Amino acid sequence: MNRTARERAAAALAGAALLTAGLTACDGGTGAGAGRSAAGGGVTAPGAVAPSPVEAVKAAWLKTVRAKFAMAEISATGSDGKTTTQTGTKGWYPSAHDLTIKGPGSESRSVMTGDVVYTQLKTPVDGKPWMKLDLAAGGAPAPRMNEDPAEYLALLLGQPKVVLDTGDNDLPGTRHYRAVLTGADLQAADGSTGVMPEKDRRYLRESVKHLTALEVQLWIGKDDYPVRVLTVGHDDKGASSTSASFDGFGQVAPVVAPPADQVADFDAVLKGGS
């Protein structure tokens, strides 16, 4: 394989690794959407009874699922101390994204629809500027975190350890919730609310089974959408911290895969083209 092809393959593999490793989060963003749910997670009107944390999370999850897409700013620092950021569109059920991904010394654009990832190449192969990698080729893909707002809420579904933080809130017009969950708690997600389809519940639990603990902070806006999420995850490799901000729920155009005639297959990129 020539040097250029090797560099392309390395970049492509790095992009795929970011996805399968489930890198997260980022600071920024303030609120989104329009409309308010009576059972919502936002500021309670005078005289109204505030929903319990479990009810607020459930209402937010149900509304977020319907939105399908949102803008995201995501940043994650792994247990190795390296930080990766993602900016762009996130989609869920099915998983999707159109992101600019920046890591130490690298930057690329990644598009995902379902289990297919498209990475924009710095140097086209046979005139094609995109490379395709099917994560499900040869069988079902390994469970992975999609790091979308619905998924963050899903981790907190039915969790009695979620509490309302009544201290200082740096995001006016939101409710701030906290939770410290064990690995066993994560495997019980949605056990009491039962609002997720069983296949999605199983997939979620499988994707977090490596975690021994998860610390979560969640801000839900007055429109019932999650505005910001901070997490610290613990596993046998150490701790990784994340921060995610979301906006524009239901106002973002759906993610679209690149035109087929502009896409080279992963194997063709490895071979350096025809």
C-alpha atoms as a PDB file:
ATOM      1  CA  MET A   1       0.000   0.000   0.000  1.00  0.00           C
ATOM      2  CA  ASN A   2       1.412   3.424  -0.894  1.00  0.00           C
ATOM      3  CA  ARG A   3       1.922   6.105   1.778  1.00  0.00           C
ATOM      4  CA  THR A   4      -1.059   8.231   0.689  1.00  0.00           C
ATOM      5  CA  ALA A   5      -3.436   5.268   0.800  1.00  0.00           C
ATOM      6  CA  ARG A   6      -2.077   4.245   4.185  1.00  0.00           C
ATOM      7  CA  GLU A   7      -2.733   7.752   5.527  1.00  0.00           C
ATOM      8  CA  ARG A   8      -6.287   7.697   4.185  1.00  0.00           C
ATOM      9  CA  ALA A   9      -6.979   4.327   5.768  1.00  0.00           C
ATOM     10  CA  ALA A  10      -5.536   5.464   9.068  1.00  0.00           C
ATOM     11  CA  ALA A  11      -7.738   8.556   9.055  1.00  0.00           C
ATOM     12  CA  ALA A  12     -10.792   6.479   8.205  1.00  0.00           C
ATOM     13  CA  LEU A  13     -10.076   3.956  10.920  1.00  0.00           C
ATOM     14  CA  ALA A  14      -9.574   6.762  13.410  1.00  0.00           C
ATOM     15  CA  GLY A  15     -12.989   8.156  12.539  1.00  0.00           C
ATOM     16  CA  ALA A  16     -14.613   4.758  12.945  1.00  0.00           C
ATOM     17  CA  ALA A  17     -12.828   4.251  16.248  1.00  0.00           C
ATOM     18  CA  LEU A  18     -14.218   7.506  17.560  1.00  0.00           C
ATOM     19  CA  LEU A  19     -17.714   6.281  16.814  1.00  0.00           C
ATOM     20  CA  THR A  20     -17.372   2.797  18.230  1.00  0.00           C
ATOM     21  CA  ALA A  21     -15.623   4.098  21.325  1.00  0.00           C
ATOM     22  CA  GLY A  22     -18.594   6.328  21.946  1.00  0.00           C
ATOM     23  CA  LEU A  23     -16.771   9.628  22.417  1.00  0.00           C
ATOM     24  CA  THR A  24     -18.985  12.383  23.792  1.00  0.00           C
ATOM     25  CA  ALA A  25     -19.876  15.815  24.760  1.00  0.00           C
ATOM     26  CA  CYS A  26     -19.091  19.634  24.768  1.00  0.00           C
ATOM     27  CA  ASP A  27     -19.837  22.977  26.397  1.00  0.00           C
ATOM     28  CA  GLY A  28     -21.958  25.648  24.785  1.00  0.00           C
ATOM     29  CA  GLY A  29     -25.528  26.067  23.647  1.00  0.00           C
ATOM     30  CA  THR A  30     -28.474  27.196  25.705  1.00  0.00           C
ATOM     31  CA  GLY A  31     -31.905  25.977  24.880  1.00  0.00           C
ATOM     32  CA  ALA A  32     -34.000  24.913  21.980  1.00  0.00           C
ATOM     33  CA  GLY A  33     -37.348  24.340  20.426  1.00  0.00           C
ATOM     34  CA  ALA A  34     -40.746  25.769  21.123  1.00  0.00           C
ATOM     35  CA  GLY A  35     -43.808  24.663  23.010  1.00  0.00           C
ATOM     36  CA  ARG A  36     -44.157  23.420  26.556  1.00  0.00           C
ATOM     37  CA  SER A  37     -45.438  20.188  28.086  1.00  0.00           C
ATOM     38  CA  ALA A  38     -47.627  20.353  31.171  1.00  0.00           C
ATOM     39  CA  ALA A  39     -45.521  17.593  32.708  1.00  0.00           C
ATOM     40  CA  GLY A  40     -42.299  19.108  31.483  1.00  0.00           C
ATOM     41  CA  GLY A  41     -38.886  19.544  32.989  1.00  0.00           C
ATOM     42  CA  GLY A  42     -38.752  23.344  32.750  1.00  0.00           C
ATOM     43  CA  VAL A  43     -39.536  26.050  35.259  1.00  0.00           C
ATOM     44  CA  THR A  44     -42.825  25.409  37.040  1.00  0.00           C
ATOM     45  CA  ALA A  45     -45.516  28.087  36.832  1.00  0.00           C
ATOM     46  CA  PRO A  46     -46.537  29.728  40.132  1.00  0.00           C
ATOM     47  CA  GLY A  47     -48.887  27.448  42.058  1.00  0.00           C
ATOM     48  CA  ALA A  48     -48.195  24.436  39.848  1.00  0.00           C
ATOM     49  CA  VAL A  49     -46.836  21.183  41.239  1.00  0.00           C
ATOM     50  CA  ALA A  50     -43.389  20.374  39.904  1.00  0.00           C
ATOM     51  CA  PRO A  51     -43.034  16.917  38.326  1.00  0.00           C
ATOM     52  CA  SER A  52     -40.849  14.386  40.098  1.00  0.00           C
ATOM     53  CA  PRO A  53     -37.381  13.865  38.568  1.00  0.00           C
ATOM     54  CA  VAL A  54     -38.484  10.497  37.163  1.00  0.00           C
ATOM     55  CA  GLU A  55     -41.554  12.102  35.562  1.00  0.00           C
ATOM     56  CA  ALA A  56     -39.523  15.019  34.191  1.00  0.00           C
ATOM     57  CA  VAL A  57     -36.954  12.712  32.581  1.00  0.00           C
ATOM     58  CA  LYS A  58     -39.677  10.529  31.078  1.00  0.00           C
ATOM     59  CA  ALA A  59     -41.538  13.531  29.627  1.00  0.00           C
ATOM     60  CA  ALA A  60     -38.291  14.908  28.182  1.00  0.00           C
ATOM     61  CA  TRP A  61     -37.368  11.534  26.653  1.00  0.00           C
ATOM     62  CA  LEU A  62     -40.779  11.115  25.005  1.00  0.00           C
ATOM     63  CA  LYS A  63     -40.663  14.595  23.488  1.00  0.00           C
ATOM     64  CA  THR A  64     -37.025  14.294  22.421  1.00  0.00           C
ATOM     65  CA  VAL A  65     -37.678  10.978  20.658  1.00  0.00           C
ATOM     66  CA  ARG A  66     -40.302  12.694  18.493  1.00  0.00           C
ATOM     67  CA  ALA A  67     -37.894  15.488  17.498  1.00  0.00           C
ATOM     68  CA  LYS A  68     -35.538  13.005  15.732  1.00  0.00           C
ATOM     69  CA  PHE A  69     -32.705  15.517  15.139  1.00  0.00           C
ATOM     70  CA  ALA A  70     -30.915  18.383  16.921  1.00  0.00           C
ATOM     71  CA  MET A  71     -27.758  20.442  16.762  1.00  0.00           C
ATOM     72  CA  ALA A  72     -24.995  19.270  19.075  1.00  0.00           C
ATOM     73  CA  GLU A  73     -21.696  20.499  20.426  1.00  0.00           C
ATOM     74  CA  ILE A  74     -19.850  17.598  21.986  1.00  0.00           C
ATOM     75  CA  SER A  75     -16.504  17.233  23.737  1.00  0.00           C
ATOM     76  CA  ALA A  76     -14.946  14.306  25.563  1.00  0.00           C
ATOM     77  CA  THR A  77     -11.752  13.750  27.469  1.00  0.00           C
ATOM     78  CA  GLY A  78     -10.811  10.095  27.715  1.00  0.00           C
ATOM     79  CA  SER A  79      -8.957   8.304  30.462  1.00  0.00           C
ATOM     80  CA  ASP A  80      -5.803   8.908  28.392  1.00  0.00           C
ATOM     81  CA  GLY A  81      -6.254  12.670  28.756  1.00  0.00           C
ATOM     82  CA  LYS A  82      -6.931  13.261  25.053  1.00  0.00           C
ATOM     83  CA  THR A  83      -9.897  15.445  24.071  1.00  0.00           C
ATOM     84  CA  THR A  84     -12.103  15.077  21.013  1.00  0.00           C
ATOM     85  CA  THR A  85     -14.833  17.496  19.945  1.00  0.00           C
ATOM     86  CA  GLN A  86     -17.807  17.010  17.653  1.00  0.00           C
ATOM     87  CA  THR A  87     -19.996  19.759  16.207  1.00  0.00           C
ATOM     88  CA  GLY A  88     -23.008  19.358  13.941  1.00  0.00           C
ATOM     89  CA  THR A  89     -26.235  17.364  13.687  1.00  0.00           C
ATOM     90  CA  LYS A  90     -27.184  14.362  15.814  1.00  0.00           C
ATOM     91  CA  GLY A  91     -30.068  11.996  15.066  1.00  0.00           C
ATOM     92  CA  TRP A  92     -31.549   9.062  16.975  1.00  0.00           C
ATOM     93  CA  TYR A  93     -33.794   6.043  16.433  1.00  0.00           C
ATOM     94  CA  PRO A  94     -32.118   5.290  14.074  1.00  0.00           C
ATOM     95  CA  SER A  95     -28.682   6.671  14.933  1.00  0.00           C
ATOM     96  CA  ALA A  96     -27.393   9.363  12.604  1.00  0.00           C
ATOM     97  CA  HIS A  97     -24.985  12.267  12.528  1.00  0.00           C
ATOM     98  CA  ASP A  98     -23.291  14.859  10.323  1.00  0.00           C
ATOM     99  CA  LEU A  99     -20.329  16.102  12.335  1.00  0.00           C
ATOM    100  CA  THR A 100     -17.035  17.887  12.177  1.00  0.00           C
ATOM    101  CA  ILE A 101     -14.750  15.849  14.442  1.00  0.00           C
ATOM    102  CA  LYS A 102     -11.577  17.354  15.857  1.00  0.00           C
ATOM    103  CA  GLY A 103      -8.970  15.432  17.794  1.00  0.00           C
ATOM    104  CA  PRO A 104      -5.348  16.007  18.718  1.00  0.00           C
ATOM    105  CA  GLY A 105      -3.812  17.075  15.410  1.00  0.00           C
ATOM    106  CA  SER A 106      -6.733  15.948  13.251  1.00  0.00           C
ATOM    107  CA  GLU A 107     -10.010  17.192  11.777  1.00  0.00           C
ATOM    108  CA  SER A 108     -12.527  15.386   9.595  1.00  0.00           C
ATOM    109  CA  ARG A 109     -16.176  15.358   8.576  1.00  0.00           C
ATOM    110  CA  SER A 110     -18.202  12.259   9.380  1.00  0.00           C
ATOM    111  CA  VAL A 111     -21.720  11.326   8.257  1.00  0.00           C
ATOM    112  CA  MET A 112     -23.553   8.322   9.685  1.00  0.00           C
ATOM    113  CA  THR A 113     -26.910   6.830   8.750  1.00  0.00           C
ATOM    114  CA  GLY A 114     -27.829   3.746  10.743  1.00  0.00           C
ATOM    115  CA  ASP A 115     -24.743   1.513  10.810  1.00  0.00           C
ATOM    116  CA  VAL A 116     -23.026   3.057   7.793  1.00  0.00           C
ATOM    117  CA  VAL A 117     -20.312   5.681   8.354  1.00  0.00           C
ATOM    118  CA  TYR A 118     -19.073   8.004   5.619  1.00  0.00           C
ATOM    119  CA  THR A 119     -15.741   9.776   6.143  1.00  0.00           C
ATOM    120  CA  GLN A 120     -14.705  12.681   3.951  1.00  0.00           C
ATOM    121  CA  LEU A 121     -11.255  12.006   2.475  1.00  0.00           C
ATOM    122  CA  LYS A 122      -8.551  14.635   2.235  1.00  0.00           C
ATOM    123  CA  THR A 123      -7.513  13.102  -1.074  1.00  0.00           C
ATOM    124  CA  PRO A 124     -10.263  11.519  -3.256  1.00  0.00           C
ATOM    125  CA  VAL A 125      -9.936   7.901  -4.341  1.00  0.00           C
ATOM    126  CA  ASP A 126     -10.822   7.369  -8.010  1.00  0.00           C
ATOM    127  CA  GLY A 127     -12.357  10.840  -7.925  1.00  0.00           C
ATOM    128  CA  LYS A 128     -14.583   9.951  -4.970  1.00  0.00           C
ATOM    129  CA  PRO A 129     -14.293  12.266  -1.927  1.00  0.00           C
ATOM    130  CA  TRP A 130     -16.046   9.982   0.579  1.00  0.00           C
ATOM    131  CA  MET A 131     -15.242   6.585   2.068  1.00  0.00           C
ATOM    132  CA  LYS A 132     -17.953   4.204   3.300  1.00  0.00           C
ATOM    133  CA  LEU A 133     -17.593   1.806   6.211  1.00  0.00           C
ATOM    134  CA  ASP A 134     -20.481  -0.517   7.140  1.00  0.00           C
ATOM    135  CA  LEU A 135     -20.213  -1.226  10.866  1.00  0.00           C
ATOM    136  CA  ALA A 136     -22.664  -4.119  10.485  1.00  0.00           C
ATOM    137  CA  ALA A 137     -20.819  -5.855   7.656  1.00  0.00           C
ATOM    138  CA  GLY A 138     -20.461  -9.552   8.422  1.00  0.00           C
ATOM    139  CA  GLY A 139     -22.974  -9.442  11.268  1.00  0.00           C
ATOM    140  CA  ALA A 140     -24.496  -7.146  13.863  1.00  0.00           C
ATOM    141  CA  PRO A 141     -22.232  -4.249  14.952  1.00  0.00           C
ATOM    142  CA  ALA A 142     -20.923  -4.099  18.490  1.00  0.00           C
ATOM    143  CA  PRO A 143     -23.146  -1.927  20.706  1.00  0.00           C
ATOM    144  CA  ARG A 144     -21.852   1.626  20.962  1.00  0.00           C
ATOM    145  CA  MET A 145     -22.947   4.900  22.481  1.00  0.00           C
ATOM    146  CA  ASN A 146     -24.421   7.360  19.988  1.00  0.00           C
ATOM    147  CA  GLU A 147     -24.035  10.289  22.428  1.00  0.00           C
ATOM    148  CA  ASP A 148     -27.343  11.846  21.405  1.00  0.00           C
ATOM    149  CA  PRO A 149     -29.817  13.642  23.717  1.00  0.00           C
ATOM    150  CA  ALA A 150     -32.383  10.818  23.671  1.00  0.00           C
ATOM    151  CA  GLU A 151     -29.695   8.349  24.708  1.00  0.00           C
ATOM    152  CA  TYR A 152     -28.532  10.506  27.612  1.00  0.00           C
ATOM    153  CA  LEU A 153     -32.119  10.748  28.857  1.00  0.00           C
ATOM    154  CA  ALA A 154     -32.600   7.001  28.365  1.00  0.00           C
ATOM    155  CA  LEU A 155     -29.786   6.314  30.850  1.00  0.00           C
ATOM    156  CA  LEU A 156     -31.822   8.178  33.483  1.00  0.00           C
ATOM    157  CA  LEU A 157     -35.231   6.643  32.693  1.00  0.00           C
ATOM    158  CA  GLY A 158     -36.781   5.193  35.825  1.00  0.00           C
ATOM    159  CA  GLN A 159     -33.713   5.948  37.959  1.00  0.00           C
ATOM    160  CA  PRO A 160     -34.814   6.815  41.535  1.00  0.00           C
ATOM    161  CA  LYS A 161     -31.363   8.257  42.227  1.00  0.00           C
ATOM    162  CA  VAL A 162     -32.029  11.242  39.942  1.00  0.00           C
ATOM    163  CA  VAL A 163     -32.544  14.306  42.150  1.00  0.00           C
ATOM    164  CA  LEU A 164     -33.387  17.946  41.506  1.00  0.00           C
ATOM    165  CA  ASP A 165     -30.487  20.271  42.305  1.00  0.00           C
ATOM    166  CA  THR A 166     -31.964  23.318  44.046  1.00  0.00           C
ATOM    167  CA  GLY A 167     -28.630  25.166  44.331  1.00  0.00           C
ATOM    168  CA  ASP A 168     -27.283  27.818  41.993  1.00  0.00           C
ATOM    169  CA  ASN A 169     -28.230  27.159  38.374  1.00  0.00           C
ATOM    170  CA  ASP A 170     -26.048  28.726  35.696  1.00  0.00           C
ATOM    171  CA  LEU A 171     -28.671  28.072  32.987  1.00  0.00           C
ATOM    172  CA  PRO A 172     -31.732  30.232  33.788  1.00  0.00           C
ATOM    173  CA  GLY A 173     -35.068  28.789  32.717  1.00  0.00           C
ATOM    174  CA  THR A 174     -33.980  25.191  33.231  1.00  0.00           C
ATOM    175  CA  ARG A 175     -34.161  22.540  35.916  1.00  0.00           C
ATOM    176  CA  HIS A 176     -30.868  20.992  36.967  1.00  0.00           C
ATOM    177  CA  TYR A 177     -30.800  17.291  37.884  1.00  0.00           C
ATOM    178  CA  ARG A 178     -28.012  15.084  39.242  1.00  0.00           C
ATOM    179  CA  ALA A 179     -27.457  11.361  39.598  1.00  0.00           C
ATOM    180  CA  VAL A 180     -24.643   9.016  40.595  1.00  0.00           C
ATOM    181  CA  LEU A 181     -25.375   5.597  39.136  1.00  0.00           C
ATOM    182  CA  THR A 182     -23.674   2.237  39.637  1.00  0.00           C
ATOM    183  CA  GLY A 183     -23.192  -0.348  36.925  1.00  0.00           C
ATOM    184  CA  ALA A 184     -26.190  -2.216  38.322  1.00  0.00           C
ATOM    185  CA  ASP A 185     -28.300   0.955  38.109  1.00  0.00           C
ATOM    186  CA  LEU A 186     -27.392   1.384  34.451  1.00  0.00           C
ATOM    187  CA  GLN A 187     -28.485  -2.176  33.713  1.00  0.00           C
ATOM    188  CA  ALA A 188     -31.860  -1.353  35.277  1.00  0.00           C
ATOM    189  CA  ALA A 189     -32.463   1.762  33.150  1.00  0.00           C
ATOM    190  CA  ASP A 190     -36.129   2.146  32.137  1.00  0.00           C
ATOM    191  CA  GLY A 191     -37.074  -0.791  34.340  1.00  0.00           C
ATOM    192  CA  SER A 192     -39.939   1.056  36.037  1.00  0.00           C
ATOM    193  CA  THR A 193     -41.105   3.387  33.255  1.00  0.00           C
ATOM    194  CA  GLY A 194     -40.976   0.825  30.444  1.00  0.00           C
ATOM    195  CA  VAL A 195     -41.315   3.407  27.676  1.00  0.00           C
ATOM    196  CA  MET A 196     -38.472   2.191  25.452  1.00  0.00           C
ATOM    197  CA  PRO A 197     -38.903  -0.560  22.873  1.00  0.00           C
ATOM    198  CA  GLU A 198     -37.245  -3.697  24.222  1.00  0.00           C
ATOM    199  CA  LYS A 199     -34.640  -3.853  21.440  1.00  0.00           C
ATOM    200  CA  ASP A 200     -33.507  -0.303  22.212  1.00  0.00           C
ATOM    201  CA  ARG A 201     -33.418  -1.018  25.945  1.00  0.00           C
ATOM    202  CA  ARG A 202     -31.229  -4.094  25.422  1.00  0.00           C
ATOM    203  CA  TYR A 203     -28.903  -2.209  23.093  1.00  0.00           C
ATOM    204  CA  LEU A 204     -28.528   0.661  25.563  1.00  0.00           C
ATOM    205  CA  ARG A 205     -27.708  -1.620  28.464  1.00  0.00           C
ATOM    206  CA  GLU A 206     -25.211  -3.562  26.371  1.00  0.00           C
ATOM    207  CA  SER A 207     -23.433  -0.354  25.350  1.00  0.00           C
ATOM    208  CA  VAL A 208     -22.837   0.702  28.982  1.00  0.00           C
ATOM    209  CA  LYS A 209     -22.098  -2.670  30.555  1.00  0.00           C
ATOM    210  CA  HIS A 210     -18.377  -1.802  30.764  1.00  0.00           C
ATOM    211  CA  LEU A 211     -19.129   1.101  33.129  1.00  0.00           C
ATOM    212  CA  THR A 212     -18.813   0.582  36.873  1.00  0.00           C
ATOM    213  CA  ALA A 213     -20.253   4.009  37.690  1.00  0.00           C
ATOM    214  CA  LEU A 214     -21.645   7.067  35.926  1.00  0.00           C
ATOM    215  CA  GLU A 215     -22.022  10.576  37.328  1.00  0.00           C
ATOM    216  CA  VAL A 216     -24.578  12.661  35.429  1.00  0.00           C
ATOM    217  CA  GLN A 217     -25.733  16.264  35.477  1.00  0.00           C
ATOM    218  CA  LEU A 218     -28.708  17.152  33.283  1.00  0.00           C
ATOM    219  CA  TRP A 219     -30.384  20.470  32.489  1.00  0.00           C
ATOM    220  CA  ILE A 220     -33.921  20.283  31.038  1.00  0.00           C
ATOM    221  CA  GLY A 221     -35.280  23.446  29.415  1.00  0.00           C
ATOM    222  CA  LYS A 222     -38.725  24.986  29.800  1.00  0.00           C
ATOM    223  CA  ASP A 223     -39.618  23.392  26.448  1.00  0.00           C
ATOM    224  CA  ASP A 224     -38.935  19.920  27.924  1.00  0.00           C
ATOM    225  CA  TYR A 225     -35.820  19.310  25.830  1.00  0.00           C
ATOM    226  CA  PRO A 226     -32.414  18.487  27.359  1.00  0.00           C
ATOM    227  CA  VAL A 227     -30.209  21.556  27.064  1.00  0.00           C
ATOM    228  CA  ARG A 228     -26.974  20.320  28.557  1.00  0.00           C
ATOM    229  CA  VAL A 229     -25.506  17.072  29.893  1.00  0.00           C
ATOM    230  CA  LEU A 230     -22.285  16.519  31.840  1.00  0.00           C
ATOM    231  CA  THR A 231     -21.065  13.004  32.610  1.00  0.00           C
ATOM    232  CA  VAL A 232     -18.110  11.282  34.232  1.00  0.00           C
ATOM    233  CA  GLY A 233     -17.885   7.587  33.424  1.00  0.00           C
ATOM    234  CA  HIS A 234     -15.750   5.045  35.290  1.00  0.00           C
ATOM    235  CA  ASP A 235     -14.525   1.686  33.993  1.00  0.00           C
ATOM    236  CA  ASP A 236     -11.444  -0.507  34.331  1.00  0.00           C
ATOM    237  CA  LYS A 237      -9.438   1.965  32.217  1.00  0.00           C
ATOM    238  CA  GLY A 238     -10.129   4.919  34.511  1.00  0.00           C
ATOM    239  CA  ALA A 239     -12.417   7.946  34.282  1.00  0.00           C
ATOM    240  CA  SER A 240     -13.571   9.848  31.189  1.00  0.00           C
ATOM    241  CA  SER A 241     -15.445  13.149  31.339  1.00  0.00           C
ATOM    242  CA  THR A 242     -17.925  14.507  28.829  1.00  0.00           C
ATOM    243  CA  SER A 243     -20.024  17.603  28.243  1.00  0.00           C
ATOM    244  CA  ALA A 244     -22.785  17.983  25.650  1.00  0.00           C
ATOM    245  CA  SER A 245     -25.011  20.880  24.613  1.00  0.00           C
ATOM    246  CA  PHE A 246     -28.053  20.555  22.354  1.00  0.00           C
ATOM    247  CA  ASP A 247     -30.289  22.986  20.471  1.00  0.00           C
ATOM    248  CA  GLY A 248     -32.698  23.235  17.549  1.00  0.00           C
ATOM    249  CA  PHE A 249     -34.739  20.114  18.348  1.00  0.00           C
ATOM    250  CA  GLY A 250     -36.928  19.143  15.399  1.00  0.00           C
ATOM    251  CA  GLN A 251     -35.738  22.186  13.444  1.00  0.00           C
ATOM    252  CA  VAL A 252     -32.695  20.547  11.861  1.00  0.00           C
ATOM    253  CA  ALA A 253     -32.730  18.941   8.437  1.00  0.00           C
ATOM    254  CA  PRO A 254     -32.387  15.135   8.547  1.00  0.00           C
ATOM    255  CA  VAL A 255     -28.958  13.639   7.905  1.00  0.00           C
ATOM    256  CA  VAL A 256     -28.487  12.536   4.298  1.00  0.00           C
ATOM    257  CA  ALA A 257     -25.802  10.163   3.052  1.00  0.00           C
ATOM    258  CA  PRO A 258     -23.429  11.413   0.324  1.00  0.00           C
ATOM    259  CA  PRO A 259     -24.433  10.530  -3.269  1.00  0.00           C
ATOM    260  CA  ALA A 260     -23.475   6.949  -4.120  1.00  0.00           C
ATOM    261  CA  ASP A 261     -21.294   8.033  -7.068  1.00  0.00           C
ATOM    262  CA  GLN A 262     -19.133  10.080  -4.680  1.00  0.00           C
ATOM    263  CA  VAL A 263     -18.452   7.205  -2.281  1.00  0.00           C
ATOM    264  CA  ALA A 264     -15.558   4.762  -2.326  1.00  0.00           C
ATOM    265  CA  ASP A 265     -15.752   1.512  -0.406  1.00  0.00           C
ATOM    266  CA  PHE A 266     -13.483   1.065   2.603  1.00  0.00           C
ATOM    267  CA  ASP A 267     -11.634  -1.843   0.954  1.00  0.00           C
ATOM    268  CA  ALA A 268     -10.967   0.254  -2.152  1.00  0.00           C
ATOM    269  CA  VAL A 269      -9.436   2.991   0.010  1.00  0.00           C
ATOM    270  CA  LEU A 270      -7.203   0.433   1.742  1.00  0.00           C
ATOM    271  CA  LYS A 271      -6.002  -0.731  -1.677  1.00  0.00           C
ATOM    272  CA  GLY A 272      -5.366   2.829  -2.812  1.00  0.00           C
ATOM    273  CA  GLY A 273      -8.034   2.868  -5.510  1.00  0.00           C
ATOM    274  CA  SER A 274      -8.010   1.240  -8.922  1.00  0.00           C
END
